[in-house]
Amino acid sequence: MLRLEGYEVWAGHSADEGLTLARLHRPHAVILDMRMPLTSGLQLLRSIRAIAGLSHTAVAIVTGDYYMAQAQLDEIRALGAELRYKPLWLDELVMLARELLTAQPVRE
């Protein structure tokens, strides 16, 4: 859907693949899921923030978990990511991408 809207999109099918794509392409925004095999969206967010040049990249974590521990919520905020809840309809996904890209800071 984002490609149809004119965005350049790289999609990783695992956290490791997503991290590799982030290192390679230095995206302007990242949308990731909280629950993934072998890791969590929070751990992937920590890894993205550790990449030179991506410490302030706009990130949104999408989750179906309507209850999260306060410590997780605090860390997500501290790492500068937005939290969105599923279901995330296609028009909401496009709007989220627009918001992330317009809110992005100056590149490092």
Protein backbone atom coordinates (compact mmCIF):
# COMPACT_ATOMS: atom_id res chain seq x y z
CA MET A 1 0.00 0.00 0.00
CA LEU A 2 2.80 2.44 0.84
CA ARG A 3 4.48 1.74 -2.50
CA LEU A 4 1.21 2.56 -4.28
CA GLU A 5 1.24 5.88 -2.43
CA GLY A 6 4.70 6.63 -3.87
CA TYR A 7 6.87 5.70 -0.91
CA GLU A 8 10.10 3.77 -1.27
CA VAL A 9 9.67 0.77 1.02
CA TRP A 10 12.01 -1.94 2.28
CA ALA A 11 10.33 -4.76 4.18
CA GLY A 12 12.25 -7.10 6.44
CA HIS A 13 10.68 -10.43 7.29
CA SER A 14 12.64 -10.74 10.52
CA ALA A 15 14.27 -8.39 12.99
CA ASP A 16 17.73 -9.29 11.66
CA GLU A 17 16.66 -8.60 8.10
CA GLY A 18 15.06 -5.31 9.15
CA LEU A 19 18.23 -4.28 10.95
CA THR A 20 20.34 -5.12 7.90
CA LEU A 21 17.99 -3.06 5.71
CA ALA A 22 18.17 -0.15 8.17
CA ARG A 23 21.98 -0.19 8.09
CA LEU A 24 22.04 -0.42 4.30
CA HIS A 25 19.33 2.10 3.38
CA ARG A 26 19.30 4.53 6.34
CA PRO A 27 15.50 5.01 6.19
CA HIS A 28 13.77 8.27 7.02
CA ALA A 29 11.11 6.37 9.00
CA VAL A 30 10.59 2.87 10.41
CA ILE A 31 7.36 1.05 11.21
CA LEU A 32 7.82 -2.19 13.11
CA ASP A 33 5.78 -4.73 15.04
CA MET A 34 6.19 -5.19 18.76
CA ARG A 35 5.99 -8.99 18.62
CA MET A 36 8.42 -10.81 16.38
CA PRO A 37 9.99 -14.23 16.41
CA LEU A 38 13.23 -14.35 18.44
CA THR A 39 13.12 -10.70 19.55
CA SER A 40 10.77 -7.83 20.30
CA GLY A 41 10.08 -4.55 18.62
CA LEU A 42 11.60 -2.87 21.63
CA GLN A 43 14.87 -4.73 21.19
CA LEU A 44 14.87 -3.92 17.47
CA LEU A 45 14.25 -0.26 18.34
CA ARG A 46 17.25 -0.31 20.70
CA SER A 47 19.38 -1.78 17.89
CA ILE A 48 18.17 0.82 15.38
CA ARG A 49 18.98 3.63 17.81
CA ALA A 50 22.53 2.25 18.14
CA ILE A 51 23.19 2.67 14.40
CA ALA A 52 25.10 5.84 13.58
CA GLY A 53 22.78 8.23 11.79
CA LEU A 54 19.57 6.55 12.94
CA SER A 55 19.45 7.62 16.56
CA HIS A 56 16.70 10.16 15.77
CA THR A 57 14.94 8.43 12.87
CA ALA A 58 11.16 8.52 13.18
CA VAL A 59 9.92 5.12 14.44
CA ALA A 60 6.47 3.74 15.18
CA ILE A 61 5.89 0.44 16.93
CA VAL A 62 2.61 -1.28 16.11
CA THR A 63 1.15 -3.74 18.60
CA GLY A 64 -1.96 -5.72 19.38
CA ASP A 65 -1.02 -5.67 23.06
CA TYR A 66 -3.40 -3.25 24.73
CA TYR A 67 -1.66 -3.71 28.05
CA MET A 68 2.04 -3.12 28.31
CA ALA A 69 4.17 -2.71 31.41
CA GLN A 70 4.85 0.91 32.31
CA ALA A 71 8.60 0.27 32.04
CA GLN A 72 8.15 -0.77 28.39
CA LEU A 73 6.01 2.27 27.62
CA ASP A 74 8.55 4.54 29.29
CA GLU A 75 11.43 3.04 27.31
CA ILE A 76 9.55 3.34 24.02
CA ARG A 77 8.96 7.03 24.75
CA ALA A 78 12.55 7.54 25.93
CA LEU A 79 13.81 6.02 22.67
CA GLY A 80 11.63 8.48 20.75
CA ALA A 81 9.18 6.06 19.17
CA GLU A 82 5.44 6.31 18.73
CA LEU A 83 3.15 3.48 19.76
CA ARG A 84 0.14 2.52 17.63
CA TYR A 85 -2.39 -0.20 18.26
CA LYS A 86 -3.77 -2.84 15.91
CA PRO A 87 -5.84 -3.11 13.94
CA LEU A 88 -4.13 -0.56 11.76
CA TRP A 89 -6.19 -0.12 8.61
CA LEU A 90 -4.55 0.73 5.29
CA ASP A 91 -5.55 4.39 5.37
CA GLU A 92 -4.19 4.62 8.93
CA LEU A 93 -0.91 3.06 7.77
CA VAL A 94 -0.56 5.67 5.04
CA MET A 95 -1.40 8.46 7.50
CA LEU A 96 1.16 7.06 9.97
CA ALA A 97 3.86 7.04 7.28
CA ARG A 98 3.05 10.66 6.40
CA GLU A 99 3.17 11.70 10.06
CA LEU A 100 6.51 9.96 10.64
CA LEU A 101 8.08 11.52 7.57
CA THR A 102 6.87 15.04 8.31
CA ALA A 103 7.98 14.78 11.95
CA GLN A 104 11.47 13.56 11.18
CA PRO A 105 14.37 15.65 12.49
CA VAL A 106 17.36 16.83 10.52
CA ARG A 107 19.55 13.86 9.53
CA GLU A 108 22.73 13.31 11.54
